Amino acid sequence: MISDTRILDKSFFDRKADNVAKDILGKIILKKCNNSTDVMAGKIVEVEAYCGEEDEACHASSGKTQRNKVMYKECGLIYIYLIYGMYYMLNFVTNSKEIPEAILIRALEPLKSIDKMRKNRGVESIKKLTNGPGKLTEALEIDMRYNGTDVTKKDGDILVIEGDNTTNIEISERIGVEDDSFLRFYDPNSKFVSKK
Protein backbone atom coordinates (compact mmCIF):
# COMPACT_ATOMS: atom_id res chain seq x y z
CA MET A 1 0.00 0.00 0.00
CA ILE A 2 2.52 2.61 1.17
CA SER A 3 6.29 2.48 1.04
CA ASP A 4 7.67 2.16 4.58
CA THR A 5 10.19 4.90 3.84
CA ARG A 6 7.37 7.43 3.34
CA ILE A 7 5.74 6.85 6.75
CA LEU A 8 6.82 9.38 9.36
CA ASP A 9 8.67 7.53 12.11
CA LYS A 10 9.08 8.04 15.85
CA SER A 11 12.02 10.39 15.39
CA PHE A 12 9.80 12.87 13.54
CA PHE A 13 7.43 13.12 16.53
CA ASP A 14 10.13 12.88 19.22
CA ARG A 15 10.59 16.65 19.40
CA LYS A 16 8.91 19.66 20.99
CA ALA A 17 5.33 20.12 19.84
CA ASP A 18 5.93 23.52 18.21
CA ASN A 19 8.77 22.13 16.10
CA VAL A 20 6.69 19.14 14.97
CA ALA A 21 3.75 21.46 14.23
CA LYS A 22 5.77 23.54 11.76
CA ASP A 23 7.25 20.49 10.03
CA ILE A 24 4.02 18.50 9.73
CA LEU A 25 2.38 21.09 7.48
CA GLY A 26 2.20 19.62 3.98
CA LYS A 27 2.37 16.03 5.21
CA ILE A 28 -0.43 13.60 4.29
CA ILE A 29 -2.84 11.79 6.62
CA LEU A 30 -4.06 8.45 5.29
CA LYS A 31 -7.12 6.84 6.87
CA LYS A 32 -8.50 3.43 5.92
CA CYS A 33 -12.22 3.59 5.20
CA ASN A 34 -14.35 1.66 7.68
CA ASN A 35 -15.28 -1.81 6.34
CA SER A 36 -13.38 -1.21 3.10
CA THR A 37 -9.95 -1.45 1.50
CA ASP A 38 -10.25 2.14 0.24
CA VAL A 39 -8.22 4.95 1.75
CA MET A 40 -9.11 8.58 2.43
CA ALA A 41 -6.32 11.15 2.33
CA GLY A 42 -5.80 14.79 3.19
CA LYS A 43 -2.88 17.20 3.30
CA ILE A 44 -2.28 18.91 6.66
CA VAL A 45 -2.68 22.68 6.25
CA GLU A 46 -3.35 23.89 9.82
CA VAL A 47 -2.24 22.73 13.28
CA GLU A 48 -1.85 23.95 16.85
CA ALA A 49 0.83 22.98 19.37
CA TYR A 50 0.09 22.20 23.03
CA CYS A 51 3.24 22.25 25.11
CA GLY A 52 2.93 20.29 28.32
CA GLU A 53 1.99 20.99 31.91
CA GLU A 54 3.28 24.60 31.79
CA ASP A 55 0.86 25.41 28.94
CA GLU A 56 -2.43 26.46 30.55
CA ALA A 57 -4.38 25.59 27.39
CA CYS A 58 -2.94 22.07 27.27
CA HIS A 59 -4.97 19.19 28.67
CA ALA A 60 -1.93 18.23 30.75
CA SER A 61 -1.84 21.55 32.62
CA SER A 62 -3.43 19.91 35.68
CA GLY A 63 -1.34 16.74 35.47
CA LYS A 64 -2.11 13.22 34.31
CA THR A 65 -5.74 12.13 34.21
CA GLN A 66 -7.71 9.24 32.75
CA ARG A 67 -8.61 11.46 29.81
CA ASN A 68 -5.11 12.70 28.90
CA LYS A 69 -2.95 9.73 29.92
CA VAL A 70 -2.09 9.00 26.27
CA MET A 71 -0.17 12.31 26.18
CA TYR A 72 2.27 10.91 28.75
CA LYS A 73 3.05 7.86 26.64
CA GLU A 74 5.42 7.52 23.69
CA CYS A 75 5.37 9.96 20.82
CA GLY A 76 3.57 9.13 17.58
CA LEU A 77 0.40 8.02 19.34
CA ILE A 78 -3.02 9.42 18.55
CA TYR A 79 -4.79 11.39 21.27
CA ILE A 80 -8.52 11.76 20.67
CA TYR A 81 -10.93 13.68 22.86
CA LEU A 82 -14.55 14.76 22.54
CA ILE A 83 -15.72 18.37 22.90
CA TYR A 84 -19.26 19.71 23.26
CA GLY A 85 -20.34 16.07 23.44
CA MET A 86 -20.18 15.73 19.65
CA TYR A 87 -16.85 16.68 18.03
CA TYR A 88 -13.79 14.42 18.09
CA MET A 89 -10.40 16.16 18.05
CA LEU A 90 -7.40 14.47 16.38
CA ASN A 91 -4.01 15.03 18.04
CA PHE A 92 -0.58 13.45 17.66
CA VAL A 93 1.55 13.01 20.79
CA THR A 94 5.02 14.55 20.52
CA ASN A 95 8.23 14.78 22.56
CA SER A 96 9.61 12.18 24.99
CA LYS A 97 7.64 9.86 27.24
CA GLU A 98 6.23 11.64 30.33
CA ILE A 99 6.52 15.05 28.60
CA PRO A 100 2.85 15.54 27.68
CA GLU A 101 2.84 17.51 24.46
CA ALA A 102 0.69 17.14 21.35
CA ILE A 103 -0.38 18.82 18.15
CA LEU A 104 -4.02 19.31 17.21
CA ILE A 105 -4.80 18.79 13.52
CA ARG A 106 -7.10 21.70 12.68
CA ALA A 107 -7.58 21.45 8.89
CA LEU A 108 -6.80 19.28 5.88
CA GLU A 109 -6.93 19.68 2.12
CA PRO A 110 -8.98 16.69 0.84
CA LEU A 111 -6.98 14.59 -1.63
CA LYS A 112 -8.49 11.11 -2.00
CA SER A 113 -11.96 9.53 -1.59
CA ILE A 114 -13.56 12.97 -1.58
CA ASP A 115 -17.01 11.56 -2.42
CA LYS A 116 -16.75 9.32 0.66
CA MET A 117 -15.90 12.39 2.77
CA ARG A 118 -18.90 14.24 1.30
CA LYS A 119 -21.16 11.35 2.28
CA ASN A 120 -19.71 11.22 5.80
CA ARG A 121 -20.15 14.97 6.30
CA GLY A 122 -23.40 15.42 4.40
CA VAL A 123 -22.05 18.45 2.53
CA GLU A 124 -21.14 19.01 -1.12
CA SER A 125 -18.68 21.92 -0.85
CA ILE A 126 -15.12 20.59 -0.90
CA LYS A 127 -14.00 23.68 1.05
CA LYS A 128 -16.24 22.73 3.98
CA LEU A 129 -15.31 19.05 4.21
CA THR A 130 -12.22 19.28 6.40
CA ASN A 131 -11.70 22.98 7.24
CA GLY A 132 -11.99 22.50 10.98
CA PRO A 133 -10.92 19.91 13.57
CA GLY A 134 -14.41 18.47 14.15
CA LYS A 135 -15.18 18.46 10.44
CA LEU A 136 -12.07 16.52 9.45
CA THR A 137 -12.64 13.76 12.00
CA GLU A 138 -16.22 13.37 10.80
CA ALA A 139 -15.07 13.29 7.17
CA LEU A 140 -12.40 10.66 7.92
CA GLU A 141 -14.55 8.57 10.31
CA ILE A 142 -12.21 9.16 13.25
CA ASP A 143 -13.55 8.67 16.77
CA MET A 144 -12.47 7.33 20.19
CA ARG A 145 -11.64 3.91 18.72
CA TYR A 146 -8.34 5.38 17.54
CA ASN A 147 -7.27 6.91 20.86
CA GLY A 148 -3.83 5.55 21.75
CA THR A 149 -3.11 3.99 18.34
CA ASP A 150 0.25 4.55 16.67
CA VAL A 151 0.55 6.49 13.39
CA THR A 152 4.09 5.24 12.82
CA LYS A 153 3.04 1.57 12.42
CA LYS A 154 2.73 0.59 8.75
CA ASP A 155 -0.26 -1.68 9.44
CA GLY A 156 -2.24 1.02 11.27
CA ASP A 157 -5.59 2.43 10.16
CA ILE A 158 -4.23 5.99 10.32
CA LEU A 159 -0.79 6.90 8.96
CA VAL A 160 1.10 10.12 8.32
CA ILE A 161 3.34 10.11 5.27
CA GLU A 162 5.72 12.50 3.57
CA GLY A 163 4.23 15.18 1.35
CA ASP A 164 5.33 18.55 0.05
CA ASN A 165 7.10 20.74 2.57
CA THR A 166 5.17 23.94 3.26
CA THR A 167 7.67 26.77 3.06
CA ASN A 168 5.27 29.67 3.56
CA ILE A 169 3.95 29.33 7.12
CA GLU A 170 1.75 31.80 8.99
CA ILE A 171 1.82 31.83 12.78
CA SER A 172 -0.97 33.10 15.04
CA GLU A 173 -2.61 32.68 18.41
CA ARG A 174 -4.48 29.42 18.87
CA ILE A 175 -8.20 29.50 18.12
CA GLY A 176 -10.27 30.07 21.24
CA VAL A 177 -7.18 30.44 23.46
CA GLU A 178 -6.59 33.85 25.02
CA ASP A 179 -2.83 34.02 25.44
CA ASP A 180 0.18 35.27 23.53
CA SER A 181 1.64 31.86 22.74
CA PHE A 182 1.40 32.05 18.94
CA LEU A 183 1.31 28.27 18.60
CA ARG A 184 -1.03 27.97 15.61
CA PHE A 185 0.67 27.24 12.29
CA TYR A 186 -1.02 27.21 8.90
CA ASP A 187 -0.50 27.47 5.16
CA PRO A 188 -1.76 30.96 4.19
CA ASN A 189 -2.11 29.87 0.56
CA SER A 190 -4.58 27.09 1.38
CA LYS A 191 -8.31 27.64 0.91
CA PHE A 192 -8.97 24.82 3.38
CA VAL A 193 -7.66 26.59 6.50
CA SER A 194 -10.38 27.03 9.15
CA LYS A 195 -9.65 30.72 9.79
CA LYS A 196 -7.07 33.17 8.45
C-alpha atoms as a PDB file:
ATOM      1  CA  MET A   1       0.000   0.000   0.000  1.00  0.00           C
ATOM      2  CA  ILE A   2       2.516   2.614   1.175  1.00  0.00           C
ATOM      3  CA  SER A   3       6.288   2.475   1.037  1.00  0.00           C
ATOM      4  CA  ASP A   4       7.670   2.165   4.579  1.00  0.00           C
ATOM      5  CA  THR A   5      10.195   4.903   3.836  1.00  0.00           C
ATOM      6  CA  ARG A   6       7.371   7.427   3.338  1.00  0.00           C
ATOM      7  CA  ILE A   7       5.735   6.848   6.746  1.00  0.00           C
ATOM      8  CA  LEU A   8       6.816   9.382   9.357  1.00  0.00           C
ATOM      9  CA  ASP A   9       8.675   7.527  12.106  1.00  0.00           C
ATOM     10  CA  LYS A  10       9.076   8.043  15.851  1.00  0.00           C
ATOM     11  CA  SER A  11      12.019  10.388  15.386  1.00  0.00           C
ATOM     12  CA  PHE A  12       9.803  12.872  13.540  1.00  0.00           C
ATOM     13  CA  PHE A  13       7.426  13.122  16.527  1.00  0.00           C
ATOM     14  CA  ASP A  14      10.130  12.883  19.219  1.00  0.00           C
ATOM     15  CA  ARG A  15      10.591  16.652  19.403  1.00  0.00           C
ATOM     16  CA  LYS A  16       8.914  19.656  20.994  1.00  0.00           C
ATOM     17  CA  ALA A  17       5.330  20.122  19.841  1.00  0.00           C
ATOM     18  CA  ASP A  18       5.929  23.520  18.214  1.00  0.00           C
ATOM     19  CA  ASN A  19       8.771  22.126  16.096  1.00  0.00           C
ATOM     20  CA  VAL A  20       6.690  19.138  14.970  1.00  0.00           C
ATOM     21  CA  ALA A  21       3.754  21.460  14.231  1.00  0.00           C
ATOM     22  CA  LYS A  22       5.772  23.541  11.764  1.00  0.00           C
ATOM     23  CA  ASP A  23       7.250  20.494  10.035  1.00  0.00           C
ATOM     24  CA  ILE A  24       4.020  18.498   9.728  1.00  0.00           C
ATOM     25  CA  LEU A  25       2.382  21.089   7.482  1.00  0.00           C
ATOM     26  CA  GLY A  26       2.202  19.616   3.978  1.00  0.00           C
ATOM     27  CA  LYS A  27       2.370  16.026   5.213  1.00  0.00           C
ATOM     28  CA  ILE A  28      -0.432  13.600   4.294  1.00  0.00           C
ATOM     29  CA  ILE A  29      -2.841  11.793   6.624  1.00  0.00           C
ATOM     30  CA  LEU A  30      -4.060   8.446   5.288  1.00  0.00           C
ATOM     31  CA  LYS A  31      -7.123   6.839   6.872  1.00  0.00           C
ATOM     32  CA  LYS A  32      -8.497   3.433   5.923  1.00  0.00           C
ATOM     33  CA  CYS A  33     -12.216   3.591   5.198  1.00  0.00           C
ATOM     34  CA  ASN A  34     -14.347   1.658   7.677  1.00  0.00           C
ATOM     35  CA  ASN A  35     -15.281  -1.810   6.336  1.00  0.00           C
ATOM     36  CA  SER A  36     -13.379  -1.212   3.099  1.00  0.00           C
ATOM     37  CA  THR A  37      -9.945  -1.450   1.499  1.00  0.00           C
ATOM     38  CA  ASP A  38     -10.254   2.139   0.240  1.00  0.00           C
ATOM     39  CA  VAL A  39      -8.216   4.953   1.750  1.00  0.00           C
ATOM     40  CA  MET A  40      -9.105   8.577   2.427  1.00  0.00           C
ATOM     41  CA  ALA A  41      -6.319  11.147   2.333  1.00  0.00           C
ATOM     42  CA  GLY A  42      -5.799  14.792   3.188  1.00  0.00           C
ATOM     43  CA  LYS A  43      -2.875  17.202   3.303  1.00  0.00           C
ATOM     44  CA  ILE A  44      -2.282  18.909   6.658  1.00  0.00           C
ATOM     45  CA  VAL A  45      -2.684  22.684   6.251  1.00  0.00           C
ATOM     46  CA  GLU A  46      -3.353  23.892   9.824  1.00  0.00           C
ATOM     47  CA  VAL A  47      -2.244  22.733  13.284  1.00  0.00           C
ATOM     48  CA  GLU A  48      -1.850  23.948  16.853  1.00  0.00           C
ATOM     49  CA  ALA A  49       0.828  22.984  19.369  1.00  0.00           C
ATOM     50  CA  TYR A  50       0.086  22.203  23.027  1.00  0.00           C
ATOM     51  CA  CYS A  51       3.237  22.251  25.114  1.00  0.00           C
ATOM     52  CA  GLY A  52       2.932  20.286  28.320  1.00  0.00           C
ATOM     53  CA  GLU A  53       1.989  20.990  31.913  1.00  0.00           C
ATOM     54  CA  GLU A  54       3.284  24.597  31.790  1.00  0.00           C
ATOM     55  CA  ASP A  55       0.862  25.411  28.943  1.00  0.00           C
ATOM     56  CA  GLU A  56      -2.431  26.463  30.551  1.00  0.00           C
ATOM     57  CA  ALA A  57      -4.384  25.594  27.388  1.00  0.00           C
ATOM     58  CA  CYS A  58      -2.939  22.072  27.271  1.00  0.00           C
ATOM     59  CA  HIS A  59      -4.973  19.185  28.666  1.00  0.00           C
ATOM     60  CA  ALA A  60      -1.933  18.227  30.745  1.00  0.00           C
ATOM     61  CA  SER A  61      -1.836  21.553  32.616  1.00  0.00           C
ATOM     62  CA  SER A  62      -3.433  19.906  35.677  1.00  0.00           C
ATOM     63  CA  GLY A  63      -1.337  16.741  35.469  1.00  0.00           C
ATOM     64  CA  LYS A  64      -2.111  13.221  34.312  1.00  0.00           C
ATOM     65  CA  THR A  65      -5.739  12.135  34.209  1.00  0.00           C
ATOM     66  CA  GLN A  66      -7.711   9.237  32.745  1.00  0.00           C
ATOM     67  CA  ARG A  67      -8.609  11.464  29.809  1.00  0.00           C
ATOM     68  CA  ASN A  68      -5.112  12.705  28.904  1.00  0.00           C
ATOM     69  CA  LYS A  69      -2.946   9.731  29.921  1.00  0.00           C
ATOM     70  CA  VAL A  70      -2.088   9.004  26.265  1.00  0.00           C
ATOM     71  CA  MET A  71      -0.171  12.307  26.179  1.00  0.00           C
ATOM     72  CA  TYR A  72       2.265  10.908  28.751  1.00  0.00           C
ATOM     73  CA  LYS A  73       3.052   7.856  26.644  1.00  0.00           C
ATOM     74  CA  GLU A  74       5.416   7.518  23.691  1.00  0.00           C
ATOM     75  CA  CYS A  75       5.370   9.956  20.816  1.00  0.00           C
ATOM     76  CA  GLY A  76       3.572   9.128  17.582  1.00  0.00           C
ATOM     77  CA  LEU A  77       0.396   8.016  19.341  1.00  0.00           C
ATOM     78  CA  ILE A  78      -3.020   9.423  18.546  1.00  0.00           C
ATOM     79  CA  TYR A  79      -4.786  11.387  21.270  1.00  0.00           C
ATOM     80  CA  ILE A  80      -8.525  11.764  20.673  1.00  0.00           C
ATOM     81  CA  TYR A  81     -10.930  13.682  22.856  1.00  0.00           C
ATOM     82  CA  LEU A  82     -14.548  14.764  22.539  1.00  0.00           C
ATOM     83  CA  ILE A  83     -15.719  18.372  22.895  1.00  0.00           C
ATOM     84  CA  TYR A  84     -19.260  19.705  23.262  1.00  0.00           C
ATOM     85  CA  GLY A  85     -20.345  16.069  23.439  1.00  0.00           C
ATOM     86  CA  MET A  86     -20.183  15.732  19.648  1.00  0.00           C
ATOM     87  CA  TYR A  87     -16.852  16.680  18.029  1.00  0.00           C
ATOM     88  CA  TYR A  88     -13.790  14.421  18.089  1.00  0.00           C
ATOM     89  CA  MET A  89     -10.401  16.159  18.047  1.00  0.00           C
ATOM     90  CA  LEU A  90      -7.398  14.472  16.378  1.00  0.00           C
ATOM     91  CA  ASN A  91      -4.013  15.029  18.040  1.00  0.00           C
ATOM     92  CA  PHE A  92      -0.583  13.454  17.662  1.00  0.00           C
ATOM     93  CA  VAL A  93       1.547  13.011  20.787  1.00  0.00           C
ATOM     94  CA  THR A  94       5.016  14.549  20.521  1.00  0.00           C
ATOM     95  CA  ASN A  95       8.226  14.775  22.560  1.00  0.00           C
ATOM     96  CA  SER A  96       9.606  12.185  24.993  1.00  0.00           C
ATOM     97  CA  LYS A  97       7.640   9.862  27.243  1.00  0.00           C
ATOM     98  CA  GLU A  98       6.227  11.638  30.330  1.00  0.00           C
ATOM     99  CA  ILE A  99       6.519  15.046  28.598  1.00  0.00           C
ATOM    100  CA  PRO A 100       2.846  15.544  27.683  1.00  0.00           C
ATOM    101  CA  GLU A 101       2.843  17.511  24.456  1.00  0.00           C
ATOM    102  CA  ALA A 102       0.689  17.136  21.352  1.00  0.00           C
ATOM    103  CA  ILE A 103      -0.380  18.823  18.154  1.00  0.00           C
ATOM    104  CA  LEU A 104      -4.024  19.306  17.206  1.00  0.00           C
ATOM    105  CA  ILE A 105      -4.796  18.786  13.522  1.00  0.00           C
ATOM    106  CA  ARG A 106      -7.104  21.704  12.676  1.00  0.00           C
ATOM    107  CA  ALA A 107      -7.577  21.451   8.893  1.00  0.00           C
ATOM    108  CA  LEU A 108      -6.803  19.280   5.875  1.00  0.00           C
ATOM    109  CA  GLU A 109      -6.934  19.677   2.121  1.00  0.00           C
ATOM    110  CA  PRO A 110      -8.983  16.693   0.844  1.00  0.00           C
ATOM    111  CA  LEU A 111      -6.976  14.588  -1.630  1.00  0.00           C
ATOM    112  CA  LYS A 112      -8.494  11.115  -1.996  1.00  0.00           C
ATOM    113  CA  SER A 113     -11.961   9.534  -1.590  1.00  0.00           C
ATOM    114  CA  ILE A 114     -13.561  12.974  -1.577  1.00  0.00           C
ATOM    115  CA  ASP A 115     -17.008  11.562  -2.417  1.00  0.00           C
ATOM    116  CA  LYS A 116     -16.752   9.323   0.656  1.00  0.00           C
ATOM    117  CA  MET A 117     -15.897  12.386   2.768  1.00  0.00           C
ATOM    118  CA  ARG A 118     -18.897  14.236   1.304  1.00  0.00           C
ATOM    119  CA  LYS A 119     -21.156  11.346   2.283  1.00  0.00           C
ATOM    120  CA  ASN A 120     -19.706  11.217   5.803  1.00  0.00           C
ATOM    121  CA  ARG A 121     -20.151  14.969   6.302  1.00  0.00           C
ATOM    122  CA  GLY A 122     -23.402  15.416   4.399  1.00  0.00           C
ATOM    123  CA  VAL A 123     -22.054  18.448   2.526  1.00  0.00           C
ATOM    124  CA  GLU A 124     -21.137  19.010  -1.121  1.00  0.00           C
ATOM    125  CA  SER A 125     -18.675  21.919  -0.847  1.00  0.00           C
ATOM    126  CA  ILE A 126     -15.121  20.592  -0.902  1.00  0.00           C
ATOM    127  CA  LYS A 127     -13.998  23.679   1.049  1.00  0.00           C
ATOM    128  CA  LYS A 128     -16.240  22.731   3.976  1.00  0.00           C
ATOM    129  CA  LEU A 129     -15.312  19.049   4.205  1.00  0.00           C
ATOM    130  CA  THR A 130     -12.221  19.280   6.400  1.00  0.00           C
ATOM    131  CA  ASN A 131     -11.700  22.982   7.240  1.00  0.00           C
ATOM    132  CA  GLY A 132     -11.986  22.503  10.983  1.00  0.00           C
ATOM    133  CA  PRO A 133     -10.923  19.910  13.574  1.00  0.00           C
ATOM    134  CA  GLY A 134     -14.407  18.469  14.150  1.00  0.00           C
ATOM    135  CA  LYS A 135     -15.184  18.465  10.438  1.00  0.00           C
ATOM    136  CA  LEU A 136     -12.071  16.522   9.449  1.00  0.00           C
ATOM    137  CA  THR A 137     -12.637  13.763  11.996  1.00  0.00           C
ATOM    138  CA  GLU A 138     -16.222  13.366  10.803  1.00  0.00           C
ATOM    139  CA  ALA A 139     -15.071  13.286   7.168  1.00  0.00           C
ATOM    140  CA  LEU A 140     -12.400  10.664   7.918  1.00  0.00           C
ATOM    141  CA  GLU A 141     -14.554   8.572  10.313  1.00  0.00           C
ATOM    142  CA  ILE A 142     -12.208   9.162  13.253  1.00  0.00           C
ATOM    143  CA  ASP A 143     -13.547   8.674  16.771  1.00  0.00           C
ATOM    144  CA  MET A 144     -12.467   7.333  20.189  1.00  0.00           C
ATOM    145  CA  ARG A 145     -11.639   3.906  18.717  1.00  0.00           C
ATOM    146  CA  TYR A 146      -8.336   5.378  17.542  1.00  0.00           C
ATOM    147  CA  ASN A 147      -7.271   6.912  20.861  1.00  0.00           C
ATOM    148  CA  GLY A 148      -3.825   5.551  21.748  1.00  0.00           C
ATOM    149  CA  THR A 149      -3.111   3.988  18.344  1.00  0.00           C
ATOM    150  CA  ASP A 150       0.255   4.545  16.666  1.00  0.00           C
ATOM    151  CA  VAL A 151       0.550   6.494  13.386  1.00  0.00           C
ATOM    152  CA  THR A 152       4.090   5.237  12.820  1.00  0.00           C
ATOM    153  CA  LYS A 153       3.044   1.575  12.417  1.00  0.00           C
ATOM    154  CA  LYS A 154       2.726   0.592   8.751  1.00  0.00           C
ATOM    155  CA  ASP A 155      -0.259  -1.680   9.443  1.00  0.00           C
ATOM    156  CA  GLY A 156      -2.243   1.021  11.273  1.00  0.00           C
ATOM    157  CA  ASP A 157      -5.587   2.434  10.156  1.00  0.00           C
ATOM    158  CA  ILE A 158      -4.234   5.992  10.318  1.00  0.00           C
ATOM    159  CA  LEU A 159      -0.792   6.903   8.963  1.00  0.00           C
ATOM    160  CA  VAL A 160       1.101  10.120   8.320  1.00  0.00           C
ATOM    161  CA  ILE A 161       3.343  10.110   5.267  1.00  0.00           C
ATOM    162  CA  GLU A 162       5.716  12.499   3.572  1.00  0.00           C
ATOM    163  CA  GLY A 163       4.227  15.177   1.354  1.00  0.00           C
ATOM    164  CA  ASP A 164       5.332  18.549   0.050  1.00  0.00           C
ATOM    165  CA  ASN A 165       7.101  20.744   2.573  1.00  0.00           C
ATOM    166  CA  THR A 166       5.170  23.942   3.262  1.00  0.00           C
ATOM    167  CA  THR A 167       7.673  26.769   3.061  1.00  0.00           C
ATOM    168  CA  ASN A 168       5.271  29.675   3.558  1.00  0.00           C
ATOM    169  CA  ILE A 169       3.955  29.334   7.121  1.00  0.00           C
ATOM    170  CA  GLU A 170       1.751  31.805   8.987  1.00  0.00           C
ATOM    171  CA  ILE A 171       1.821  31.831  12.785  1.00  0.00           C
ATOM    172  CA  SER A 172      -0.973  33.099  15.037  1.00  0.00           C
ATOM    173  CA  GLU A 173      -2.610  32.678  18.407  1.00  0.00           C
ATOM    174  CA  ARG A 174      -4.481  29.416  18.873  1.00  0.00           C
ATOM    175  CA  ILE A 175      -8.204  29.497  18.116  1.00  0.00           C
ATOM    176  CA  GLY A 176     -10.274  30.070  21.242  1.00  0.00           C
ATOM    177  CA  VAL A 177      -7.183  30.436  23.458  1.00  0.00           C
ATOM    178  CA  GLU A 178      -6.592  33.847  25.018  1.00  0.00           C
ATOM    179  CA  ASP A 179      -2.831  34.018  25.442  1.00  0.00           C
ATOM    180  CA  ASP A 180       0.179  35.272  23.526  1.00  0.00           C
ATOM    181  CA  SER A 181       1.644  31.858  22.742  1.00  0.00           C
ATOM    182  CA  PHE A 182       1.396  32.053  18.935  1.00  0.00           C
ATOM    183  CA  LEU A 183       1.311  28.275  18.597  1.00  0.00           C
ATOM    184  CA  ARG A 184      -1.027  27.967  15.613  1.00  0.00           C
ATOM    185  CA  PHE A 185       0.670  27.241  12.291  1.00  0.00           C
ATOM    186  CA  TYR A 186      -1.023  27.209   8.899  1.00  0.00           C
ATOM    187  CA  ASP A 187      -0.502  27.472   5.156  1.00  0.00           C
ATOM    188  CA  PRO A 188      -1.759  30.957   4.193  1.00  0.00           C
ATOM    189  CA  ASN A 189      -2.111  29.869   0.564  1.00  0.00           C
ATOM    190  CA  SER A 190      -4.576  27.087   1.376  1.00  0.00           C
ATOM    191  CA  LYS A 191      -8.312  27.643   0.912  1.00  0.00           C
ATOM    192  CA  PHE A 192      -8.975  24.823   3.385  1.00  0.00           C
ATOM    193  CA  VAL A 193      -7.664  26.589   6.498  1.00  0.00           C
ATOM    194  CA  SER A 194     -10.385  27.032   9.147  1.00  0.00           C
ATOM    195  CA  LYS A 195      -9.651  30.716   9.786  1.00  0.00           C
ATOM    196  CA  LYS A 196      -7.067  33.172   8.451  1.00  0.00           C
END
